[in-house]
Amino acid sequence: MQITASGLRQNVYKILDQSLKTGKDVEIIRKGMIFKIVPPKKRDKLKNLQKKKIMQCKPEYLIHLDWSSEWKT
């Protein structure tokens, strides 16, 4: 994320929280120079994924299904 120094001043807490949440660096531009705020550790991208409920039944039900009548040899 790249912002100006005045943009950082206006939303400093929001920007810092977002950087911590996403693990992305924040680049601040001031008088042609770039400063970086780097979160303490990079987060795993998979941790940013939201859990979704896609199964309509319990997983145990799928394990114990008898599909042998569907097999054709």
N, C-alpha and C. Protein backbone atom coordinates (compact mmCIF):
# COMPACT_ATOMS: atom_id res chain seq x y z
N MET A 1 0.85 -1.16 0.00
CA MET A 1 0.00 0.00 0.00
C MET A 1 0.91 1.23 0.00
N GLN A 2 0.60 2.19 -0.82
CA GLN A 2 1.41 3.40 -0.93
C GLN A 2 0.51 4.60 -0.65
N ILE A 3 0.93 5.46 0.28
CA ILE A 3 0.15 6.64 0.65
C ILE A 3 1.09 7.81 0.88
N THR A 4 0.49 8.99 0.97
CA THR A 4 1.27 10.19 1.28
C THR A 4 1.36 10.34 2.80
N ALA A 5 2.24 11.21 3.25
CA ALA A 5 2.39 11.44 4.68
C ALA A 5 1.12 12.03 5.28
N SER A 6 0.45 12.94 4.56
CA SER A 6 -0.79 13.50 5.10
C SER A 6 -1.91 12.46 5.12
N GLY A 7 -1.90 11.52 4.15
CA GLY A 7 -2.87 10.43 4.16
C GLY A 7 -2.66 9.52 5.37
N LEU A 8 -1.40 9.29 5.71
CA LEU A 8 -1.09 8.51 6.91
C LEU A 8 -1.55 9.24 8.16
N ARG A 9 -1.31 10.53 8.21
CA ARG A 9 -1.70 11.32 9.38
C ARG A 9 -3.21 11.27 9.62
N GLN A 10 -3.98 11.28 8.55
CA GLN A 10 -5.44 11.29 8.68
C GLN A 10 -5.99 9.94 9.15
N ASN A 11 -5.36 8.86 8.74
CA ASN A 11 -5.90 7.52 9.02
C ASN A 11 -4.86 6.58 9.63
N VAL A 12 -4.03 7.09 10.50
CA VAL A 12 -2.89 6.30 10.98
C VAL A 12 -3.32 4.99 11.64
N TYR A 13 -4.30 5.00 12.50
CA TYR A 13 -4.69 3.77 13.20
C TYR A 13 -5.34 2.77 12.26
N LYS A 14 -6.17 3.26 11.36
CA LYS A 14 -6.82 2.38 10.38
C LYS A 14 -5.77 1.72 9.48
N ILE A 15 -4.80 2.49 9.02
CA ILE A 15 -3.75 1.98 8.13
C ILE A 15 -2.87 0.97 8.86
N LEU A 16 -2.51 1.26 10.10
CA LEU A 16 -1.68 0.33 10.86
C LEU A 16 -2.43 -0.97 11.15
N ASP A 17 -3.70 -0.88 11.50
CA ASP A 17 -4.49 -2.09 11.75
C ASP A 17 -4.63 -2.93 10.48
N GLN A 18 -4.83 -2.27 9.35
CA GLN A 18 -4.96 -2.98 8.08
C GLN A 18 -3.65 -3.67 7.72
N SER A 19 -2.54 -3.01 7.97
CA SER A 19 -1.23 -3.59 7.68
C SER A 19 -0.98 -4.82 8.56
N LEU A 20 -1.37 -4.74 9.82
CA LEU A 20 -1.22 -5.89 10.70
C LEU A 20 -2.11 -7.05 10.27
N LYS A 21 -3.33 -6.71 9.83
CA LYS A 21 -4.28 -7.75 9.44
C LYS A 21 -3.86 -8.46 8.16
N THR A 22 -3.41 -7.71 7.16
CA THR A 22 -3.06 -8.30 5.87
C THR A 22 -1.61 -8.74 5.78
N GLY A 23 -0.75 -8.17 6.62
CA GLY A 23 0.67 -8.49 6.56
C GLY A 23 1.42 -7.72 5.48
N LYS A 24 0.76 -6.75 4.84
CA LYS A 24 1.38 -5.98 3.76
C LYS A 24 2.11 -4.76 4.32
N ASP A 25 3.21 -4.42 3.65
CA ASP A 25 3.97 -3.22 4.02
C ASP A 25 3.19 -1.97 3.63
N VAL A 26 3.47 -0.87 4.34
CA VAL A 26 2.89 0.43 4.01
C VAL A 26 4.04 1.34 3.58
N GLU A 27 3.92 1.92 2.39
CA GLU A 27 4.95 2.85 1.90
C GLU A 27 4.41 4.26 1.99
N ILE A 28 5.16 5.13 2.66
CA ILE A 28 4.77 6.52 2.82
C ILE A 28 5.70 7.37 1.96
N ILE A 29 5.10 8.21 1.12
CA ILE A 29 5.88 9.08 0.25
C ILE A 29 5.93 10.48 0.87
N ARG A 30 7.14 11.00 1.05
CA ARG A 30 7.32 12.33 1.62
C ARG A 30 8.50 13.00 0.94
N LYS A 31 8.22 14.09 0.22
CA LYS A 31 9.25 14.86 -0.49
C LYS A 31 10.10 13.97 -1.40
N GLY A 32 9.44 13.08 -2.12
CA GLY A 32 10.13 12.23 -3.08
C GLY A 32 10.83 11.02 -2.47
N MET A 33 10.82 10.91 -1.17
CA MET A 33 11.44 9.77 -0.48
C MET A 33 10.35 8.79 -0.06
N ILE A 34 10.70 7.53 0.00
CA ILE A 34 9.74 6.50 0.41
C ILE A 34 10.20 5.89 1.73
N PHE A 35 9.29 5.90 2.69
CA PHE A 35 9.51 5.27 3.99
C PHE A 35 8.60 4.05 4.06
N LYS A 36 9.02 3.02 4.78
CA LYS A 36 8.22 1.81 4.88
C LYS A 36 7.87 1.49 6.32
N ILE A 37 6.63 1.08 6.51
CA ILE A 37 6.21 0.49 7.77
C ILE A 37 6.01 -0.98 7.48
N VAL A 38 6.75 -1.83 8.17
CA VAL A 38 6.73 -3.26 7.91
C VAL A 38 6.15 -3.97 9.13
N PRO A 39 5.09 -4.77 8.94
CA PRO A 39 4.54 -5.51 10.06
C PRO A 39 5.58 -6.47 10.64
N PRO A 40 5.45 -6.85 11.90
CA PRO A 40 6.48 -7.68 12.54
C PRO A 40 6.74 -9.01 11.86
N LYS A 41 5.71 -9.66 11.31
CA LYS A 41 5.92 -10.92 10.59
C LYS A 41 4.89 -11.03 9.48
N LYS A 42 5.27 -11.70 8.43
CA LYS A 42 4.36 -11.89 7.31
C LYS A 42 3.32 -12.94 7.69
N ARG A 43 2.08 -12.67 7.33
CA ARG A 43 1.01 -13.62 7.59
C ARG A 43 0.87 -14.57 6.40
N ASP A 44 0.46 -15.77 6.69
CA ASP A 44 0.20 -16.75 5.65
C ASP A 44 -1.02 -16.32 4.86
N LYS A 45 -0.94 -16.33 3.54
CA LYS A 45 -2.06 -15.89 2.69
C LYS A 45 -3.31 -16.73 2.92
N LEU A 46 -3.12 -18.00 3.25
CA LEU A 46 -4.27 -18.86 3.47
C LEU A 46 -5.05 -18.48 4.72
N LYS A 47 -4.39 -17.82 5.67
CA LYS A 47 -5.09 -17.39 6.88
C LYS A 47 -6.04 -16.23 6.60
N ASN A 48 -5.85 -15.53 5.49
CA ASN A 48 -6.75 -14.44 5.13
C ASN A 48 -8.05 -14.93 4.52
N LEU A 49 -8.09 -16.21 4.13
CA LEU A 49 -9.31 -16.75 3.55
C LEU A 49 -10.38 -16.91 4.63
N GLN A 50 -11.61 -16.64 4.26
CA GLN A 50 -12.71 -16.81 5.19
C GLN A 50 -13.29 -18.20 5.05
N LYS A 51 -13.63 -18.79 6.17
CA LYS A 51 -14.20 -20.13 6.16
C LYS A 51 -15.62 -20.07 5.63
N LYS A 52 -15.93 -20.98 4.71
CA LYS A 52 -17.26 -21.02 4.12
C LYS A 52 -17.87 -22.39 4.36
N LYS A 53 -19.15 -22.38 4.58
CA LYS A 53 -19.85 -23.63 4.79
C LYS A 53 -20.43 -24.08 3.45
N ILE A 54 -19.84 -25.13 2.86
CA ILE A 54 -20.28 -25.55 1.54
C ILE A 54 -20.95 -26.92 1.55
N MET A 55 -20.71 -27.70 2.59
CA MET A 55 -21.32 -29.02 2.64
C MET A 55 -22.72 -28.92 3.25
N GLN A 56 -23.63 -29.66 2.70
CA GLN A 56 -25.01 -29.66 3.18
C GLN A 56 -25.25 -30.80 4.17
N CYS A 57 -24.24 -31.60 4.42
CA CYS A 57 -24.40 -32.72 5.36
C CYS A 57 -23.11 -32.85 6.17
N LYS A 58 -23.14 -33.72 7.13
CA LYS A 58 -21.96 -33.98 7.95
C LYS A 58 -20.96 -34.80 7.13
N PRO A 59 -19.66 -34.55 7.28
CA PRO A 59 -18.65 -35.29 6.50
C PRO A 59 -18.70 -36.80 6.75
N GLU A 60 -19.09 -37.20 7.96
CA GLU A 60 -19.16 -38.63 8.29
C GLU A 60 -20.15 -39.35 7.38
N TYR A 61 -21.20 -38.66 6.97
CA TYR A 61 -22.21 -39.26 6.10
C TYR A 61 -21.59 -39.66 4.75
N LEU A 62 -20.71 -38.83 4.22
CA LEU A 62 -20.08 -39.11 2.93
C LEU A 62 -19.10 -40.28 3.01
N ILE A 63 -18.46 -40.43 4.14
CA ILE A 63 -17.49 -41.51 4.30
C ILE A 63 -18.19 -42.87 4.29
N HIS A 64 -19.36 -42.95 4.88
CA HIS A 64 -20.05 -44.22 5.04
C HIS A 64 -21.08 -44.50 3.93
N LEU A 65 -21.06 -43.76 2.88
CA LEU A 65 -21.97 -44.04 1.76
C LEU A 65 -21.53 -45.30 1.02
N ASP A 66 -22.50 -46.05 0.55
CA ASP A 66 -22.20 -47.25 -0.23
C ASP A 66 -22.44 -46.92 -1.71
N TRP A 67 -21.34 -46.77 -2.44
CA TRP A 67 -21.41 -46.43 -3.86
C TRP A 67 -21.25 -47.64 -4.75
N SER A 68 -21.17 -48.83 -4.19
CA SER A 68 -20.88 -50.01 -5.00
C SER A 68 -21.95 -50.27 -6.06
N SER A 69 -23.18 -49.88 -5.82
CA SER A 69 -24.23 -50.09 -6.83
C SER A 69 -24.04 -49.16 -8.04
N GLU A 70 -23.28 -48.09 -7.89
CA GLU A 70 -23.04 -47.14 -8.97
C GLU A 70 -21.84 -47.55 -9.84
N TRP A 71 -21.00 -48.43 -9.35
CA TRP A 71 -19.81 -48.82 -10.10
C TRP A 71 -20.18 -49.77 -11.21
N LYS A 72 -19.61 -49.54 -12.34
CA LYS A 72 -19.83 -50.42 -13.49
C LYS A 72 -18.49 -51.00 -13.91
N THR A 73 -18.45 -52.30 -14.05
CA THR A 73 -17.19 -52.95 -14.43
C THR A 73 -17.26 -53.53 -15.80
